[in-house]
Amino acid sequence: MKAKKKLVRDVQPWLQTAYDITKVLSVKENVLYLGNEPITDNQLTQLKSEAGLMARFTLWPILTETARKEAVTIGIVKSTEWDHVLSAKSMLVLLDWMTSWTETIRKVQQPKKT
């Protein structure tokens, strides 16, 4: 219960802040959207370039592996409560989500406009 109260306390400021829909990615009918608008060719080129750079940065695998190690430490090695396992699972889900989006951006092919 203590871990749950700490998690709520730590996450609450994030939950009270509305997210910026113009910076939210989604895929609808094989088209990449940024906010409610289909992504432009220029935006896609820029995002692909940045995603490719991120994959080549020395820092990216260091950050992802450090997060993975922390999740294992919290959820398995030092876990004393079910809440610790859930926290670790959340960390791993977020890590997977970030990695998946990076790969999606790198591989997406926008349909040609007719």
PDB file of N, CA and C in Angstrom:
ATOM      1  N   MET A   1       0.823  -1.197   0.000  1.00  0.00           N
ATOM      2  CA  MET A   1       0.000   0.000   0.000  1.00  0.00           C
ATOM      3  C   MET A   1       0.868   1.263   0.000  1.00  0.00           C
ATOM      4  N   LYS A   2       2.010   1.197   0.685  1.00  0.00           N
ATOM      5  CA  LYS A   2       2.925   2.329   0.747  1.00  0.00           C
ATOM      6  C   LYS A   2       3.444   2.688  -0.650  1.00  0.00           C
ATOM      7  N   ALA A   3       3.809   1.659  -1.417  1.00  0.00           N
ATOM      8  CA  ALA A   3       4.311   1.883  -2.779  1.00  0.00           C
ATOM      9  C   ALA A   3       3.221   2.498  -3.656  1.00  0.00           C
ATOM     10  N   LYS A   4       1.989   2.073  -3.461  1.00  0.00           N
ATOM     11  CA  LYS A   4       0.878   2.599  -4.260  1.00  0.00           C
ATOM     12  C   LYS A   4       0.674   4.089  -3.968  1.00  0.00           C
ATOM     13  N   LYS A   5       0.737   4.479  -2.688  1.00  0.00           N
ATOM     14  CA  LYS A   5       0.583   5.892  -2.325  1.00  0.00           C
ATOM     15  C   LYS A   5       1.717   6.722  -2.916  1.00  0.00           C
ATOM     16  N   LYS A   6       2.929   6.176  -2.898  1.00  0.00           N
ATOM     17  CA  LYS A   6       4.080   6.873  -3.476  1.00  0.00           C
ATOM     18  C   LYS A   6       3.896   7.029  -4.981  1.00  0.00           C
ATOM     19  N   LEU A   7       3.435   5.965  -5.644  1.00  0.00           N
ATOM     20  CA  LEU A   7       3.212   6.019  -7.084  1.00  0.00           C
ATOM     21  C   LEU A   7       2.168   7.078  -7.427  1.00  0.00           C
ATOM     22  N   VAL A   8       1.078   7.102  -6.685  1.00  0.00           N
ATOM     23  CA  VAL A   8       0.022   8.098  -6.924  1.00  0.00           C
ATOM     24  C   VAL A   8       0.582   9.496  -6.711  1.00  0.00           C
ATOM     25  N   ARG A   9       1.351   9.683  -5.643  1.00  0.00           N
ATOM     26  CA  ARG A   9       1.940  10.990  -5.354  1.00  0.00           C
ATOM     27  C   ARG A   9       2.888  11.416  -6.481  1.00  0.00           C
ATOM     28  N   ASP A  10       3.688  10.487  -6.960  1.00  0.00           N
ATOM     29  CA  ASP A  10       4.660  10.807  -8.002  1.00  0.00           C
ATOM     30  C   ASP A  10       4.013  11.033  -9.363  1.00  0.00           C
ATOM     31  N   VAL A  11       2.937  10.339  -9.637  1.00  0.00           N
ATOM     32  CA  VAL A  11       2.300  10.401 -10.957  1.00  0.00           C
ATOM     33  C   VAL A  11       1.240  11.491 -11.037  1.00  0.00           C
ATOM     34  N   GLN A  12       0.694  11.880  -9.914  1.00  0.00           N
ATOM     35  CA  GLN A  12      -0.412  12.831  -9.910  1.00  0.00           C
ATOM     36  C   GLN A  12      -0.137  14.120 -10.686  1.00  0.00           C
ATOM     37  N   PRO A  13       1.035  14.744 -10.531  1.00  0.00           N
ATOM     38  CA  PRO A  13       1.268  15.966 -11.326  1.00  0.00           C
ATOM     39  C   PRO A  13       1.174  15.727 -12.834  1.00  0.00           C
ATOM     40  N   TRP A  14       1.627  14.547 -13.286  1.00  0.00           N
ATOM     41  CA  TRP A  14       1.548  14.215 -14.710  1.00  0.00           C
ATOM     42  C   TRP A  14       0.105  14.037 -15.137  1.00  0.00           C
ATOM     43  N   LEU A  15      -0.704  13.447 -14.282  1.00  0.00           N
ATOM     44  CA  LEU A  15      -2.094  13.183 -14.631  1.00  0.00           C
ATOM     45  C   LEU A  15      -2.931  14.462 -14.649  1.00  0.00           C
ATOM     46  N   GLN A  16      -2.527  15.458 -13.887  1.00  0.00           N
ATOM     47  CA  GLN A  16      -3.274  16.708 -13.825  1.00  0.00           C
ATOM     48  C   GLN A  16      -2.936  17.632 -14.986  1.00  0.00           C
ATOM     49  N   THR A  17      -1.890  17.337 -15.707  1.00  0.00           N
ATOM     50  CA  THR A  17      -1.482  18.155 -16.839  1.00  0.00           C
ATOM     51  C   THR A  17      -2.071  17.557 -18.109  1.00  0.00           C
ATOM     52  N   ALA A  18      -2.847  18.347 -18.819  1.00  0.00           N
ATOM     53  CA  ALA A  18      -3.426  17.871 -20.076  1.00  0.00           C
ATOM     54  C   ALA A  18      -2.311  17.660 -21.090  1.00  0.00           C
ATOM     55  N   TYR A  19      -2.441  16.621 -21.894  1.00  0.00           N
ATOM     56  CA  TYR A  19      -1.441  16.366 -22.922  1.00  0.00           C
ATOM     57  C   TYR A  19      -1.742  17.220 -24.147  1.00  0.00           C
ATOM     58  N   ASP A  20      -0.740  17.434 -24.955  1.00  0.00           N
ATOM     59  CA  ASP A  20      -0.849  18.244 -26.162  1.00  0.00           C
ATOM     60  C   ASP A  20      -1.181  17.321 -27.332  1.00  0.00           C
ATOM     61  N   ILE A  21      -2.422  17.337 -27.777  1.00  0.00           N
ATOM     62  CA  ILE A  21      -2.895  16.432 -28.831  1.00  0.00           C
ATOM     63  C   ILE A  21      -2.093  16.616 -30.117  1.00  0.00           C
ATOM     64  N   THR A  22      -1.533  17.796 -30.323  1.00  0.00           N
ATOM     65  CA  THR A  22      -0.775  18.030 -31.559  1.00  0.00           C
ATOM     66  C   THR A  22       0.558  17.283 -31.567  1.00  0.00           C
ATOM     67  N   LYS A  23       0.919  16.668 -30.430  1.00  0.00           N
ATOM     68  CA  LYS A  23       2.162  15.917 -30.348  1.00  0.00           C
ATOM     69  C   LYS A  23       1.913  14.429 -30.096  1.00  0.00           C
ATOM     70  N   VAL A  24       0.694  13.976 -30.365  1.00  0.00           N
ATOM     71  CA  VAL A  24       0.327  12.581 -30.143  1.00  0.00           C
ATOM     72  C   VAL A  24       0.287  11.847 -31.477  1.00  0.00           C
ATOM     73  N   LEU A  25       1.061  10.766 -31.589  1.00  0.00           N
ATOM     74  CA  LEU A  25       1.084   9.947 -32.806  1.00  0.00           C
ATOM     75  C   LEU A  25       0.008   8.877 -32.758  1.00  0.00           C
ATOM     76  N   SER A  26      -0.541   8.582 -33.913  1.00  0.00           N
ATOM     77  CA  SER A  26      -1.471   7.464 -34.039  1.00  0.00           C
ATOM     78  C   SER A  26      -1.436   6.974 -35.484  1.00  0.00           C
ATOM     79  N   VAL A  27      -1.951   5.769 -35.685  1.00  0.00           N
ATOM     80  CA  VAL A  27      -2.055   5.209 -37.029  1.00  0.00           C
ATOM     81  C   VAL A  27      -3.512   4.857 -37.262  1.00  0.00           C
ATOM     82  N   LYS A  28      -4.062   5.367 -38.350  1.00  0.00           N
ATOM     83  CA  LYS A  28      -5.444   5.068 -38.723  1.00  0.00           C
ATOM     84  C   LYS A  28      -5.440   4.684 -40.191  1.00  0.00           C
ATOM     85  N   GLU A  29      -5.950   3.498 -40.476  1.00  0.00           N
ATOM     86  CA  GLU A  29      -6.034   3.011 -41.856  1.00  0.00           C
ATOM     87  C   GLU A  29      -4.686   3.147 -42.568  1.00  0.00           C
ATOM     88  N   ASN A  30      -3.609   2.712 -41.900  1.00  0.00           N
ATOM     89  CA  ASN A  30      -2.251   2.718 -42.431  1.00  0.00           C
ATOM     90  C   ASN A  30      -1.697   4.109 -42.742  1.00  0.00           C
ATOM     91  N   VAL A  31      -2.268   5.130 -42.113  1.00  0.00           N
ATOM     92  CA  VAL A  31      -1.773   6.496 -42.275  1.00  0.00           C
ATOM     93  C   VAL A  31      -1.340   6.984 -40.898  1.00  0.00           C
ATOM     94  N   LEU A  32      -0.153   7.561 -40.832  1.00  0.00           N
ATOM     95  CA  LEU A  32       0.381   8.094 -39.592  1.00  0.00           C
ATOM     96  C   LEU A  32      -0.199   9.480 -39.364  1.00  0.00           C
ATOM     97  N   TYR A  33      -0.725   9.701 -38.152  1.00  0.00           N
ATOM     98  CA  TYR A  33      -1.307  10.988 -37.787  1.00  0.00           C
ATOM     99  C   TYR A  33      -0.493  11.616 -36.663  1.00  0.00           C
ATOM    100  N   LEU A  34      -0.404  12.929 -36.689  1.00  0.00           N
ATOM    101  CA  LEU A  34       0.148  13.700 -35.593  1.00  0.00           C
ATOM    102  C   LEU A  34      -0.993  14.598 -35.137  1.00  0.00           C
ATOM    103  N   GLY A  35      -1.512  14.292 -33.961  1.00  0.00           N
ATOM    104  CA  GLY A  35      -2.738  14.947 -33.525  1.00  0.00           C
ATOM    105  C   GLY A  35      -3.885  14.403 -34.349  1.00  0.00           C
ATOM    106  N   ASN A  36      -4.717  15.294 -34.840  1.00  0.00           N
ATOM    107  CA  ASN A  36      -5.871  14.873 -35.646  1.00  0.00           C
ATOM    108  C   ASN A  36      -5.621  14.990 -37.142  1.00  0.00           C
ATOM    109  N   GLU A  37      -4.396  15.348 -37.509  1.00  0.00           N
ATOM    110  CA  GLU A  37      -4.076  15.582 -38.913  1.00  0.00           C
ATOM    111  C   GLU A  37      -3.121  14.518 -39.449  1.00  0.00           C
ATOM    112  N   PRO A  38      -3.336  14.065 -40.684  1.00  0.00           N
ATOM    113  CA  PRO A  38      -2.349  13.151 -41.279  1.00  0.00           C
ATOM    114  C   PRO A  38      -0.991  13.851 -41.329  1.00  0.00           C
ATOM    115  N   ILE A  39       0.039  13.112 -41.079  1.00  0.00           N
ATOM    116  CA  ILE A  39       1.380  13.686 -41.051  1.00  0.00           C
ATOM    117  C   ILE A  39       1.782  14.094 -42.472  1.00  0.00           C
ATOM    118  N   THR A  40       2.420  15.231 -42.590  1.00  0.00           N
ATOM    119  CA  THR A  40       2.840  15.700 -43.912  1.00  0.00           C
ATOM    120  C   THR A  40       4.117  14.969 -44.322  1.00  0.00           C
ATOM    121  N   ASP A  41       4.424  15.039 -45.601  1.00  0.00           N
ATOM    122  CA  ASP A  41       5.650  14.415 -46.100  1.00  0.00           C
ATOM    123  C   ASP A  41       6.886  15.009 -45.414  1.00  0.00           C
ATOM    124  N   ASN A  42       6.878  16.326 -45.206  1.00  0.00           N
ATOM    125  CA  ASN A  42       8.014  16.976 -44.532  1.00  0.00           C
ATOM    126  C   ASN A  42       8.144  16.510 -43.088  1.00  0.00           C
ATOM    127  N   GLN A  43       7.009  16.408 -42.383  1.00  0.00           N
ATOM    128  CA  GLN A  43       7.044  15.932 -41.002  1.00  0.00           C
ATOM    129  C   GLN A  43       7.543  14.495 -40.938  1.00  0.00           C
ATOM    130  N   LEU A  44       7.091  13.665 -41.866  1.00  0.00           N
ATOM    131  CA  LEU A  44       7.512  12.271 -41.889  1.00  0.00           C
ATOM    132  C   LEU A  44       9.011  12.170 -42.161  1.00  0.00           C
ATOM    133  N   THR A  45       9.497  12.938 -43.096  1.00  0.00           N
ATOM    134  CA  THR A  45      10.931  12.939 -43.397  1.00  0.00           C
ATOM    135  C   THR A  45      11.732  13.335 -42.161  1.00  0.00           C
ATOM    136  N   GLN A  46      11.277  14.366 -41.465  1.00  0.00           N
ATOM    137  CA  GLN A  46      11.963  14.839 -40.261  1.00  0.00           C
ATOM    138  C   GLN A  46      11.931  13.770 -39.157  1.00  0.00           C
ATOM    139  N   LEU A  47      10.746  13.182 -38.915  1.00  0.00           N
ATOM    140  CA  LEU A  47      10.620  12.158 -37.877  1.00  0.00           C
ATOM    141  C   LEU A  47      11.461  10.920 -38.195  1.00  0.00           C
ATOM    142  N   LYS A  48      11.466  10.512 -39.467  1.00  0.00           N
ATOM    143  CA  LYS A  48      12.276   9.350 -39.865  1.00  0.00           C
ATOM    144  C   LYS A  48      13.752   9.626 -39.628  1.00  0.00           C
ATOM    145  N   SER A  49      14.175  10.821 -39.958  1.00  0.00           N
ATOM    146  CA  SER A  49      15.571  11.202 -39.760  1.00  0.00           C
ATOM    147  C   SER A  49      15.925  11.164 -38.270  1.00  0.00           C
ATOM    148  N   GLU A  50      15.062  11.724 -37.435  1.00  0.00           N
ATOM    149  CA  GLU A  50      15.317  11.753 -35.997  1.00  0.00           C
ATOM    150  C   GLU A  50      15.258  10.353 -35.390  1.00  0.00           C
ATOM    151  N   ALA A  51      14.316   9.534 -35.840  1.00  0.00           N
ATOM    152  CA  ALA A  51      14.222   8.158 -35.327  1.00  0.00           C
ATOM    153  C   ALA A  51      15.460   7.356 -35.723  1.00  0.00           C
ATOM    154  N   GLY A  52      15.942   7.577 -36.930  1.00  0.00           N
ATOM    155  CA  GLY A  52      17.161   6.907 -37.366  1.00  0.00           C
ATOM    156  C   GLY A  52      18.369   7.343 -36.549  1.00  0.00           C
ATOM    157  N   LEU A  53      18.431   8.632 -36.258  1.00  0.00           N
ATOM    158  CA  LEU A  53      19.521   9.147 -35.427  1.00  0.00           C
ATOM    159  C   LEU A  53      19.453   8.560 -34.018  1.00  0.00           C
ATOM    160  N   MET A  54      18.249   8.538 -33.444  1.00  0.00           N
ATOM    161  CA  MET A  54      18.090   7.981 -32.102  1.00  0.00           C
ATOM    162  C   MET A  54      18.599   6.552 -32.033  1.00  0.00           C
ATOM    163  N   ALA A  55      18.305   5.778 -33.053  1.00  0.00           N
ATOM    164  CA  ALA A  55      18.720   4.373 -33.069  1.00  0.00           C
ATOM    165  C   ALA A  55      20.238   4.242 -33.124  1.00  0.00           C
ATOM    166  N   ARG A  56      20.907   5.249 -33.680  1.00  0.00           N
ATOM    167  CA  ARG A  56      22.369   5.196 -33.799  1.00  0.00           C
ATOM    168  C   ARG A  56      23.085   5.870 -32.638  1.00  0.00           C
ATOM    169  N   PHE A  57      22.359   6.636 -31.835  1.00  0.00           N
ATOM    170  CA  PHE A  57      22.979   7.303 -30.689  1.00  0.00           C
ATOM    171  C   PHE A  57      23.512   6.279 -29.706  1.00  0.00           C
ATOM    172  N   THR A  58      24.620   6.565 -29.117  1.00  0.00           N
ATOM    173  CA  THR A  58      25.173   5.730 -28.052  1.00  0.00           C
ATOM    174  C   THR A  58      24.247   5.765 -26.846  1.00  0.00           C
ATOM    175  N   LEU A  59      23.585   6.890 -26.614  1.00  0.00           N
ATOM    176  CA  LEU A  59      22.745   7.072 -25.440  1.00  0.00           C
ATOM    177  C   LEU A  59      21.475   6.219 -25.457  1.00  0.00           C
ATOM    178  N   TRP A  60      20.883   5.989 -26.631  1.00  0.00           N
ATOM    179  CA  TRP A  60      19.600   5.265 -26.708  1.00  0.00           C
ATOM    180  C   TRP A  60      19.688   3.858 -26.105  1.00  0.00           C
ATOM    181  N   PRO A  61      20.613   3.005 -26.517  1.00  0.00           N
ATOM    182  CA  PRO A  61      20.674   1.674 -25.894  1.00  0.00           C
ATOM    183  C   PRO A  61      21.064   1.735 -24.417  1.00  0.00           C
ATOM    184  N   ILE A  62      21.834   2.748 -24.036  1.00  0.00           N
ATOM    185  CA  ILE A  62      22.184   2.891 -22.621  1.00  0.00           C
ATOM    186  C   ILE A  62      20.929   3.206 -21.809  1.00  0.00           C
ATOM    187  N   LEU A  63      20.122   4.128 -22.292  1.00  0.00           N
ATOM    188  CA  LEU A  63      18.884   4.467 -21.588  1.00  0.00           C
ATOM    189  C   LEU A  63      17.910   3.299 -21.544  1.00  0.00           C
ATOM    190  N   THR A  64      17.744   2.615 -22.665  1.00  0.00           N
ATOM    191  CA  THR A  64      16.781   1.513 -22.685  1.00  0.00           C
ATOM    192  C   THR A  64      17.227   0.350 -21.808  1.00  0.00           C
ATOM    193  N   GLU A  65      18.507   0.019 -21.848  1.00  0.00           N
ATOM    194  CA  GLU A  65      18.992  -1.089 -21.017  1.00  0.00           C
ATOM    195  C   GLU A  65      19.009  -0.727 -19.532  1.00  0.00           C
ATOM    196  N   THR A  66      19.290   0.534 -19.230  1.00  0.00           N
ATOM    197  CA  THR A  66      19.239   0.973 -17.833  1.00  0.00           C
ATOM    198  C   THR A  66      17.810   0.893 -17.304  1.00  0.00           C
ATOM    199  N   ALA A  67      16.858   1.320 -18.103  1.00  0.00           N
ATOM    200  CA  ALA A  67      15.448   1.230 -17.700  1.00  0.00           C
ATOM    201  C   ALA A  67      15.031  -0.230 -17.528  1.00  0.00           C
ATOM    202  N   ARG A  68      15.462  -1.095 -18.436  1.00  0.00           N
ATOM    203  CA  ARG A  68      15.137  -2.521 -18.346  1.00  0.00           C
ATOM    204  C   ARG A  68      15.728  -3.124 -17.061  1.00  0.00           C
ATOM    205  N   LYS A  69      16.989  -2.766 -16.756  1.00  0.00           N
ATOM    206  CA  LYS A  69      17.642  -3.264 -15.544  1.00  0.00           C
ATOM    207  C   LYS A  69      16.895  -2.790 -14.292  1.00  0.00           C
ATOM    208  N   GLU A  70      16.497  -1.521 -14.277  1.00  0.00           N
ATOM    209  CA  GLU A  70      15.761  -0.988 -13.129  1.00  0.00           C
ATOM    210  C   GLU A  70      14.424  -1.705 -12.956  1.00  0.00           C
ATOM    211  N   ALA A  71      13.753  -1.986 -14.058  1.00  0.00           N
ATOM    212  CA  ALA A  71      12.477  -2.704 -13.982  1.00  0.00           C
ATOM    213  C   ALA A  71      12.676  -4.092 -13.380  1.00  0.00           C
ATOM    214  N   VAL A  72      13.724  -4.780 -13.813  1.00  0.00           N
ATOM    215  CA  VAL A  72      14.010  -6.117 -13.267  1.00  0.00           C
ATOM    216  C   VAL A  72      14.360  -6.017 -11.782  1.00  0.00           C
ATOM    217  N   THR A  73      15.161  -5.016 -11.430  1.00  0.00           N
ATOM    218  CA  THR A  73      15.545  -4.840 -10.030  1.00  0.00           C
ATOM    219  C   THR A  73      14.322  -4.554  -9.161  1.00  0.00           C
ATOM    220  N   ILE A  74      13.486  -3.626  -9.609  1.00  0.00           N
ATOM    221  CA  ILE A  74      12.294  -3.261  -8.842  1.00  0.00           C
ATOM    222  C   ILE A  74      11.295  -4.412  -8.782  1.00  0.00           C
ATOM    223  N   GLY A  75      11.070  -5.058  -9.932  1.00  0.00           N
ATOM    224  CA  GLY A  75       9.996  -6.052 -10.022  1.00  0.00           C
ATOM    225  C   GLY A  75      10.361  -7.454  -9.609  1.00  0.00           C
ATOM    226  N   ILE A  76      11.649  -7.790  -9.620  1.00  0.00           N
ATOM    227  CA  ILE A  76      12.033  -9.169  -9.302  1.00  0.00           C
ATOM    228  C   ILE A  76      13.019  -9.217  -8.139  1.00  0.00           C
ATOM    229  N   VAL A  77      14.148  -8.542  -8.277  1.00  0.00           N
ATOM    230  CA  VAL A  77      15.221  -8.644  -7.289  1.00  0.00           C
ATOM    231  C   VAL A  77      14.806  -8.082  -5.935  1.00  0.00           C
ATOM    232  N   LYS A  78      14.249  -6.869  -5.913  1.00  0.00           N
ATOM    233  CA  LYS A  78      13.915  -6.219  -4.650  1.00  0.00           C
ATOM    234  C   LYS A  78      12.425  -6.213  -4.339  1.00  0.00           C
ATOM    235  N   SER A  79      11.663  -6.892  -5.121  1.00  0.00           N
ATOM    236  CA  SER A  79      10.216  -6.878  -4.958  1.00  0.00           C
ATOM    237  C   SER A  79       9.788  -7.538  -3.648  1.00  0.00           C
ATOM    238  N   THR A  80       8.984  -6.806  -2.898  1.00  0.00           N
ATOM    239  CA  THR A  80       8.406  -7.369  -1.671  1.00  0.00           C
ATOM    240  C   THR A  80       6.886  -7.302  -1.698  1.00  0.00           C
ATOM    241  N   GLU A  81       6.355  -6.607  -2.688  1.00  0.00           N
ATOM    242  CA  GLU A  81       4.905  -6.449  -2.809  1.00  0.00           C
ATOM    243  C   GLU A  81       4.499  -6.567  -4.277  1.00  0.00           C
ATOM    244  N   TRP A  82       3.262  -6.896  -4.489  1.00  0.00           N
ATOM    245  CA  TRP A  82       2.722  -6.998  -5.846  1.00  0.00           C
ATOM    246  C   TRP A  82       2.831  -5.657  -6.571  1.00  0.00           C
ATOM    247  N   ASP A  83       2.693  -4.555  -5.832  1.00  0.00           N
ATOM    248  CA  ASP A  83       2.803  -3.226  -6.437  1.00  0.00           C
ATOM    249  C   ASP A  83       4.159  -3.007  -7.085  1.00  0.00           C
ATOM    250  N   HIS A  84       5.210  -3.606  -6.533  1.00  0.00           N
ATOM    251  CA  HIS A  84       6.540  -3.487  -7.137  1.00  0.00           C
ATOM    252  C   HIS A  84       6.562  -4.156  -8.514  1.00  0.00           C
ATOM    253  N   VAL A  85       5.925  -5.301  -8.608  1.00  0.00           N
ATOM    254  CA  VAL A  85       5.853  -6.013  -9.888  1.00  0.00           C
ATOM    255  C   VAL A  85       5.074  -5.182 -10.904  1.00  0.00           C
ATOM    256  N   LEU A  86       3.975  -4.582 -10.458  1.00  0.00           N
ATOM    257  CA  LEU A  86       3.168  -3.752 -11.359  1.00  0.00           C
ATOM    258  C   LEU A  86       3.946  -2.514 -11.822  1.00  0.00           C
ATOM    259  N   SER A  87       4.725  -1.912 -10.936  1.00  0.00           N
ATOM    260  CA  SER A  87       5.554  -0.763 -11.319  1.00  0.00           C
ATOM    261  C   SER A  87       6.570  -1.176 -12.373  1.00  0.00           C
ATOM    262  N   ALA A  88       7.198  -2.321 -12.153  1.00  0.00           N
ATOM    263  CA  ALA A  88       8.187  -2.820 -13.118  1.00  0.00           C
ATOM    264  C   ALA A  88       7.528  -3.108 -14.460  1.00  0.00           C
ATOM    265  N   LYS A  89       6.350  -3.689 -14.420  1.00  0.00           N
ATOM    266  CA  LYS A  89       5.629  -3.989 -15.659  1.00  0.00           C
ATOM    267  C   LYS A  89       5.314  -2.699 -16.415  1.00  0.00           C
ATOM    268  N   SER A  90       4.918  -1.666 -15.696  1.00  0.00           N
ATOM    269  CA  SER A  90       4.635  -0.375 -16.332  1.00  0.00           C
ATOM    270  C   SER A  90       5.877   0.182 -17.011  1.00  0.00           C
ATOM    271  N   MET A  91       7.011   0.055 -16.345  1.00  0.00           N
ATOM    272  CA  MET A  91       8.266   0.528 -16.925  1.00  0.00           C
ATOM    273  C   MET A  91       8.579  -0.222 -18.212  1.00  0.00           C
ATOM    274  N   LEU A  92       8.409  -1.531 -18.193  1.00  0.00           N
ATOM    275  CA  LEU A  92       8.713  -2.340 -19.379  1.00  0.00           C
ATOM    276  C   LEU A  92       7.737  -2.062 -20.515  1.00  0.00           C
ATOM    277  N   VAL A  93       6.471  -1.844 -20.181  1.00  0.00           N
ATOM    278  CA  VAL A  93       5.473  -1.516 -21.209  1.00  0.00           C
ATOM    279  C   VAL A  93       5.817  -0.186 -21.868  1.00  0.00           C
ATOM    280  N   LEU A  94       6.193   0.812 -21.074  1.00  0.00           N
ATOM    281  CA  LEU A  94       6.564   2.104 -21.636  1.00  0.00           C
ATOM    282  C   LEU A  94       7.808   1.980 -22.509  1.00  0.00           C
ATOM    283  N   LEU A  95       8.780   1.241 -22.046  1.00  0.00           N
ATOM    284  CA  LEU A  95      10.001   1.021 -22.816  1.00  0.00           C
ATOM    285  C   LEU A  95       9.683   0.351 -24.155  1.00  0.00           C
ATOM    286  N   ASP A  96       8.839  -0.665 -24.132  1.00  0.00           N
ATOM    287  CA  ASP A  96       8.436  -1.352 -25.357  1.00  0.00           C
ATOM    288  C   ASP A  96       7.673  -0.407 -26.277  1.00  0.00           C
ATOM    289  N   TRP A  97       6.815   0.411 -25.706  1.00  0.00           N
ATOM    290  CA  TRP A  97       6.016   1.350 -26.484  1.00  0.00           C
ATOM    291  C   TRP A  97       6.924   2.353 -27.190  1.00  0.00           C
ATOM    292  N   MET A  98       7.907   2.909 -26.469  1.00  0.00           N
ATOM    293  CA  MET A  98       8.823   3.880 -27.082  1.00  0.00           C
ATOM    294  C   MET A  98       9.632   3.231 -28.204  1.00  0.00           C
ATOM    295  N   THR A  99      10.119   2.029 -27.970  1.00  0.00           N
ATOM    296  CA  THR A  99      10.903   1.321 -28.983  1.00  0.00           C
ATOM    297  C   THR A  99      10.044   0.996 -30.206  1.00  0.00           C
ATOM    298  N   SER A 100       8.817   0.563 -29.966  1.00  0.00           N
ATOM    299  CA  SER A 100       7.908   0.230 -31.072  1.00  0.00           C
ATOM    300  C   SER A 100       7.591   1.445 -31.928  1.00  0.00           C
ATOM    301  N   TRP A 101       7.328   2.588 -31.295  1.00  0.00           N
ATOM    302  CA  TRP A 101       7.024   3.787 -32.067  1.00  0.00           C
ATOM    303  C   TRP A 101       8.228   4.247 -32.861  1.00  0.00           C
ATOM    304  N   THR A 102       9.399   4.141 -32.284  1.00  0.00           N
ATOM    305  CA  THR A 102      10.606   4.529 -33.013  1.00  0.00           C
ATOM    306  C   THR A 102      10.750   3.680 -34.267  1.00  0.00           C
ATOM    307  N   GLU A 103      10.541   2.373 -34.126  1.00  0.00           N
ATOM    308  CA  GLU A 103      10.624   1.478 -35.286  1.00  0.00           C
ATOM    309  C   GLU A 103       9.499   1.749 -36.288  1.00  0.00           C
ATOM    310  N   THR A 104       8.294   2.010 -35.797  1.00  0.00           N
ATOM    311  CA  THR A 104       7.164   2.318 -36.682  1.00  0.00           C
ATOM    312  C   THR A 104       7.470   3.545 -37.527  1.00  0.00           C
ATOM    313  N   ILE A 105       7.979   4.585 -36.896  1.00  0.00           N
ATOM    314  CA  ILE A 105       8.299   5.821 -37.623  1.00  0.00           C
ATOM    315  C   ILE A 105       9.369   5.552 -38.676  1.00  0.00           C
ATOM    316  N   ARG A 106      10.369   4.779 -38.316  1.00  0.00           N
ATOM    317  CA  ARG A 106      11.459   4.498 -39.264  1.00  0.00           C
ATOM    318  C   ARG A 106      10.970   3.722 -40.482  1.00  0.00           C
ATOM    319  N   LYS A 107       9.947   2.878 -40.311  1.00  0.00           N
ATOM    320  CA  LYS A 107       9.517   1.973 -41.384  1.00  0.00           C
ATOM    321  C   LYS A 107       8.266   2.427 -42.132  1.00  0.00           C
ATOM    322  N   VAL A 108       7.527   3.388 -41.598  1.00  0.00           N
ATOM    323  CA  VAL A 108       6.244   3.753 -42.183  1.00  0.00           C
ATOM    324  C   VAL A 108       6.435   4.319 -43.593  1.00  0.00           C
ATOM    325  N   GLN A 109       5.520   3.976 -44.452  1.00  0.00           N
ATOM    326  CA  GLN A 109       5.476   4.517 -45.815  1.00  0.00           C
ATOM    327  C   GLN A 109       4.103   5.146 -45.989  1.00  0.00           C
ATOM    328  N   GLN A 110       4.055   6.450 -46.087  1.00  0.00           N
ATOM    329  CA  GLN A 110       2.786   7.122 -46.286  1.00  0.00           C
ATOM    330  C   GLN A 110       2.253   6.805 -47.691  1.00  0.00           C
ATOM    331  N   PRO A 111       0.936   6.599 -47.792  1.00  0.00           N
ATOM    332  CA  PRO A 111       0.377   6.374 -49.128  1.00  0.00           C
ATOM    333  C   PRO A 111       0.597   7.597 -50.020  1.00  0.00           C
ATOM    334  N   LYS A 112       0.829   7.322 -51.285  1.00  0.00           N
ATOM    335  CA  LYS A 112       0.996   8.420 -52.245  1.00  0.00           C
ATOM    336  C   LYS A 112      -0.331   9.128 -52.449  1.00  0.00           C
ATOM    337  N   LYS A 113      -0.256  10.461 -52.508  1.00  0.00           N
ATOM    338  CA  LYS A 113      -1.475  11.241 -52.742  1.00  0.00           C
ATOM    339  C   LYS A 113      -1.864  11.130 -54.208  1.00  0.00           C
ATOM    340  N   THR A 114      -3.146  10.947 -54.422  1.00  0.00           N
ATOM    341  CA  THR A 114      -3.613  10.810 -55.808  1.00  0.00           C
ATOM    342  C   THR A 114      -4.250  12.076 -56.313  1.00  0.00           C
TER     343      THR A 114
END
